[in-house]
Amino acid sequence: MFVGFLGSFLPAFMYPWAQQKISSSLAGIINAFTPICTYAIGILIFQVKSEKMKVMGSLIAFAGAIVLIAFKPGAEFRAEALYLLVAFMVPFLYGLNGNMIKSKLSDFSGLQMTATMYISLLIFSIPLCFYTGAFQQIPISLAKGNAFYHLLALSVLGSALAMALFNILIKRVHVLFAASVTYLMPLVSIVVGWLDGEKIGWNDILGFSFILVGVLIMNGVMKNKEIEKPQ
């Protein structure tokens, strides 16, 4: 229940609330802090080993995310202090959640953990739906069009299935590599936009290159090797 509350319930409310007063470009850059927060929390609290190559890779990938987001046409940066603080708390919650799953919940399978998380969150979600009148909106959305079905697809694919895949992944790889899937979100947006007719700019190519190199370094595919000289 606790990891579900930290990793799903709170961010689902905090991030949309914060985006009311911060620009989408700034929100994207803040979200890209997730792998760095995850690794830092792992080192400070969960005894994760600090490795220079992983730190370097995460910083390179983060730089790539900034290039992708900050240099896109029409990007703007605006924020109010309180909303900015709340937005910065979300990567911290994600990082804490990922480390807890990796270090404390290894006995659960990814699917078991996901099912337990979302079932336990009903304790908070159902009263909140009654309080906000969300249940009353269902027949209205059904009568007016496909909004309810779009929301249902987003919930199943974008939340439940994505969380299950993440919980499965984090048990098999380093916690930093699992968190680095955050860097793939802008890349997916670029591909979807390109398929929809949008142009790919120089910042997209450069940012993609930085992210790819950073993730490869984090995963140990690219690393420095000492060359022994013959005696």
Protein backbone atom coordinates (compact mmCIF):
# COMPACT_ATOMS: atom_id res chain seq x y z
CA MET A 1 0.00 0.00 0.00
CA PHE A 2 2.78 2.42 0.94
CA VAL A 3 4.67 2.11 -2.35
CA GLY A 4 1.39 2.47 -4.26
CA PHE A 5 0.59 5.62 -2.30
CA LEU A 6 4.06 7.08 -2.96
CA GLY A 7 4.53 5.98 -6.55
CA SER A 8 1.01 6.24 -7.99
CA PHE A 9 -1.58 7.97 -5.82
CA LEU A 10 0.29 11.10 -4.73
CA PRO A 11 2.01 11.84 -8.08
CA ALA A 12 -1.31 11.42 -9.92
CA PHE A 13 -2.64 14.45 -8.00
CA MET A 14 0.52 16.45 -7.33
CA TYR A 15 1.82 16.66 -10.90
CA PRO A 16 -1.42 17.83 -12.59
CA TRP A 17 -1.97 20.32 -9.78
CA ALA A 18 1.56 21.71 -10.17
CA GLN A 19 1.21 21.98 -13.97
CA GLN A 20 -1.51 24.55 -13.51
CA LYS A 21 1.15 27.18 -12.78
CA ILE A 22 4.29 25.85 -14.48
CA SER A 23 4.95 25.53 -18.19
CA SER A 24 4.90 22.12 -19.88
CA SER A 25 8.55 22.53 -20.94
CA LEU A 26 9.64 23.10 -17.36
CA ALA A 27 7.48 20.19 -16.18
CA GLY A 28 9.19 17.90 -18.69
CA ILE A 29 12.65 18.89 -17.46
CA ILE A 30 11.61 18.37 -13.83
CA ASN A 31 10.30 14.91 -14.70
CA ALA A 32 13.68 14.10 -16.26
CA PHE A 33 15.20 14.47 -12.77
CA THR A 34 13.61 11.11 -11.81
CA PRO A 35 16.63 8.86 -12.61
CA ILE A 36 19.02 11.23 -10.84
CA CYS A 37 16.76 11.37 -7.77
CA THR A 38 16.40 7.58 -7.84
CA TYR A 39 20.16 7.00 -7.88
CA ALA A 40 20.88 9.66 -5.25
CA ILE A 41 18.26 8.24 -2.86
CA GLY A 42 19.58 4.73 -3.49
CA ILE A 43 23.11 5.80 -2.55
CA LEU A 44 22.12 7.87 0.48
CA ILE A 45 19.44 5.63 2.00
CA PHE A 46 19.46 2.15 0.43
CA GLN A 47 23.21 1.44 0.24
CA VAL A 48 23.28 1.38 -3.56
CA LYS A 49 26.87 1.42 -4.77
CA SER A 50 28.01 4.71 -6.28
CA GLU A 51 29.59 4.21 -9.71
CA LYS A 52 31.20 7.03 -11.68
CA MET A 53 30.06 5.69 -15.06
CA LYS A 54 26.43 5.54 -13.95
CA VAL A 55 26.61 9.10 -12.64
CA MET A 56 28.19 10.23 -15.90
CA GLY A 57 25.62 8.38 -17.99
CA SER A 58 22.68 9.82 -16.04
CA LEU A 59 24.02 13.37 -16.43
CA ILE A 60 24.57 12.92 -20.19
CA ALA A 61 21.06 11.52 -20.63
CA PHE A 62 19.62 14.36 -18.54
CA ALA A 63 21.43 16.86 -20.75
CA GLY A 64 19.85 15.17 -23.75
CA ALA A 65 16.39 15.49 -22.20
CA ILE A 66 17.00 19.22 -21.65
CA VAL A 67 18.07 19.66 -25.30
CA LEU A 68 14.93 17.83 -26.48
CA ILE A 69 12.56 19.86 -24.34
CA ALA A 70 14.15 23.28 -23.87
CA PHE A 71 15.07 23.91 -27.52
CA LYS A 72 11.83 22.82 -29.14
CA PRO A 73 9.99 25.61 -31.00
CA GLY A 74 7.70 27.56 -28.70
CA ALA A 75 9.22 26.27 -25.46
CA GLU A 76 8.63 28.58 -22.51
CA PHE A 77 9.66 28.53 -18.88
CA ARG A 78 7.36 29.95 -16.23
CA ALA A 79 6.50 28.82 -12.74
CA GLU A 80 5.24 29.89 -9.34
CA ALA A 81 7.35 28.89 -6.37
CA LEU A 82 4.86 26.64 -4.53
CA TYR A 83 3.82 24.80 -7.68
CA LEU A 84 7.47 24.39 -8.68
CA LEU A 85 8.27 22.87 -5.28
CA VAL A 86 5.38 20.40 -5.56
CA ALA A 87 6.51 19.41 -9.06
CA PHE A 88 10.06 18.76 -7.79
CA MET A 89 8.67 16.50 -5.05
CA VAL A 90 7.30 14.06 -7.66
CA PRO A 91 10.72 12.80 -8.95
CA PHE A 92 11.73 12.37 -5.30
CA LEU A 93 8.64 10.23 -4.64
CA TYR A 94 9.31 8.17 -7.76
CA GLY A 95 12.92 7.66 -6.68
CA LEU A 96 11.93 6.61 -3.17
CA ASN A 97 9.28 4.27 -4.55
CA GLY A 98 11.66 2.60 -7.00
CA ASN A 99 14.31 1.96 -4.37
CA MET A 100 11.79 0.53 -1.92
CA ILE A 101 10.50 -1.90 -4.55
CA LYS A 102 14.03 -2.94 -5.50
CA SER A 103 15.39 -3.39 -1.99
CA LYS A 104 12.42 -4.26 0.23
CA LEU A 105 9.85 -6.06 -1.93
CA SER A 106 11.91 -8.61 -3.81
CA ASP A 107 9.63 -11.47 -2.66
CA PHE A 108 6.70 -10.16 -4.74
CA SER A 109 6.46 -10.62 -8.49
CA GLY A 110 5.86 -7.53 -10.61
CA LEU A 111 2.26 -8.50 -11.38
CA GLN A 112 1.47 -9.39 -7.76
CA MET A 113 2.87 -6.09 -6.58
CA THR A 114 0.96 -4.06 -9.16
CA ALA A 115 -2.34 -5.79 -8.38
CA THR A 116 -1.80 -5.34 -4.62
CA MET A 117 -0.91 -1.67 -5.08
CA TYR A 118 -3.99 -0.74 -7.07
CA ILE A 119 -6.41 -2.81 -4.98
CA SER A 120 -5.11 -1.22 -1.79
CA LEU A 121 -5.45 2.25 -3.33
CA LEU A 122 -9.20 1.73 -3.59
CA ILE A 123 -9.29 2.65 0.12
CA PHE A 124 -8.32 6.21 -0.85
CA SER A 125 -9.73 6.40 -4.37
CA ILE A 126 -13.38 5.42 -3.80
CA PRO A 127 -14.07 8.00 -1.04
CA LEU A 128 -12.27 10.62 -3.11
CA CYS A 129 -14.45 9.84 -6.14
CA PHE A 130 -17.57 10.31 -4.02
CA TYR A 131 -16.21 13.56 -2.60
CA THR A 132 -15.31 15.05 -5.98
CA GLY A 133 -18.36 13.75 -7.81
CA ALA A 134 -16.33 11.70 -10.25
CA PHE A 135 -18.88 8.87 -10.39
CA GLN A 136 -21.56 11.34 -11.49
CA GLN A 137 -19.43 12.31 -14.48
CA ILE A 138 -19.38 8.76 -15.93
CA PRO A 139 -22.92 8.75 -17.41
CA ILE A 140 -22.38 12.31 -18.68
CA SER A 141 -19.18 11.36 -20.50
CA LEU A 142 -20.83 8.21 -21.90
CA ALA A 143 -23.70 10.26 -23.28
CA LYS A 144 -21.55 12.95 -24.88
CA GLY A 145 -18.96 10.83 -26.69
CA ASN A 146 -15.90 8.62 -26.26
CA ALA A 147 -14.23 10.55 -23.45
CA PHE A 148 -14.86 7.82 -20.89
CA TYR A 149 -13.39 5.13 -23.11
CA HIS A 150 -10.33 7.26 -23.79
CA LEU A 151 -9.89 7.75 -20.06
CA LEU A 152 -10.31 4.02 -19.49
CA ALA A 153 -7.68 3.20 -22.13
CA LEU A 154 -5.31 5.77 -20.61
CA SER A 155 -5.81 4.27 -17.15
CA VAL A 156 -5.25 0.68 -18.26
CA LEU A 157 -2.39 1.25 -20.71
CA GLY A 158 -0.76 4.38 -19.32
CA SER A 159 -0.98 3.50 -15.62
CA ALA A 160 -1.75 -0.12 -14.76
CA LEU A 161 0.12 -1.85 -17.60
CA ALA A 162 3.01 0.63 -17.49
CA MET A 163 3.35 0.15 -13.72
CA ALA A 164 3.29 -3.64 -14.07
CA LEU A 165 6.03 -3.56 -16.71
CA PHE A 166 8.11 -1.20 -14.56
CA ASN A 167 7.75 -3.43 -11.49
CA ILE A 168 8.84 -6.43 -13.55
CA LEU A 169 11.78 -4.52 -15.04
CA ILE A 170 13.10 -3.08 -11.78
CA LYS A 171 13.53 -6.55 -10.30
CA ARG A 172 15.81 -7.61 -13.16
CA VAL A 173 18.04 -4.59 -13.71
CA HIS A 174 19.82 -1.86 -11.75
CA VAL A 175 17.43 0.65 -10.18
CA LEU A 176 19.00 3.52 -12.15
CA PHE A 177 18.53 1.75 -15.48
CA ALA A 178 14.88 1.03 -14.63
CA ALA A 179 14.32 4.69 -13.75
CA SER A 180 15.99 5.80 -16.98
CA VAL A 181 12.85 4.80 -18.90
CA THR A 182 11.84 8.38 -18.05
CA TYR A 183 14.27 9.54 -20.72
CA LEU A 184 12.41 7.49 -23.34
CA MET A 185 9.17 9.44 -22.90
CA PRO A 186 10.29 12.45 -25.01
CA LEU A 187 11.62 10.06 -27.65
CA VAL A 188 8.26 8.31 -27.91
CA SER A 189 6.61 11.71 -28.25
CA ILE A 190 8.97 12.58 -31.11
CA VAL A 191 8.23 9.34 -32.96
CA VAL A 192 4.47 9.74 -32.50
CA GLY A 193 4.68 13.35 -33.65
CA TRP A 194 6.73 12.37 -36.69
CA LEU A 195 4.17 9.72 -37.63
CA ASP A 196 1.52 12.43 -37.29
CA GLY A 197 3.37 14.72 -39.70
CA GLU A 198 5.51 16.83 -37.36
CA LYS A 199 9.04 17.76 -38.39
CA ILE A 200 12.10 16.49 -36.53
CA GLY A 201 14.47 19.32 -35.59
CA TRP A 202 18.17 19.47 -34.81
CA ASN A 203 17.45 19.44 -31.10
CA ASP A 204 15.52 16.18 -31.47
CA ILE A 205 18.46 14.45 -33.14
CA LEU A 206 21.04 15.89 -30.73
CA GLY A 207 18.91 15.17 -27.67
CA PHE A 208 18.21 11.62 -28.84
CA SER A 209 21.95 11.04 -29.33
CA PHE A 210 22.77 12.29 -25.82
CA ILE A 211 20.05 10.14 -24.25
CA LEU A 212 21.13 7.04 -26.17
CA VAL A 213 24.78 7.47 -25.18
CA GLY A 214 23.85 8.19 -21.56
CA VAL A 215 21.63 5.13 -21.24
CA LEU A 216 24.30 2.92 -22.85
CA ILE A 217 26.89 4.21 -20.37
CA MET A 218 24.52 3.65 -17.42
CA ASN A 219 23.95 0.09 -18.52
CA GLY A 220 27.65 -0.63 -18.91
CA VAL A 221 27.54 -1.06 -22.71
CA MET A 222 29.93 1.85 -23.15
CA LYS A 223 32.70 2.07 -20.59
CA ASN A 224 36.34 2.92 -20.18
CA LYS A 225 38.72 0.00 -20.37
CA GLU A 226 42.23 0.05 -19.03
CA ILE A 227 44.71 -1.17 -21.61
CA GLU A 228 47.57 -3.04 -20.08
CA LYS A 229 50.93 -2.20 -21.53
CA PRO A 230 53.32 -5.05 -22.20
CA GLN A 231 56.03 -5.38 -19.61
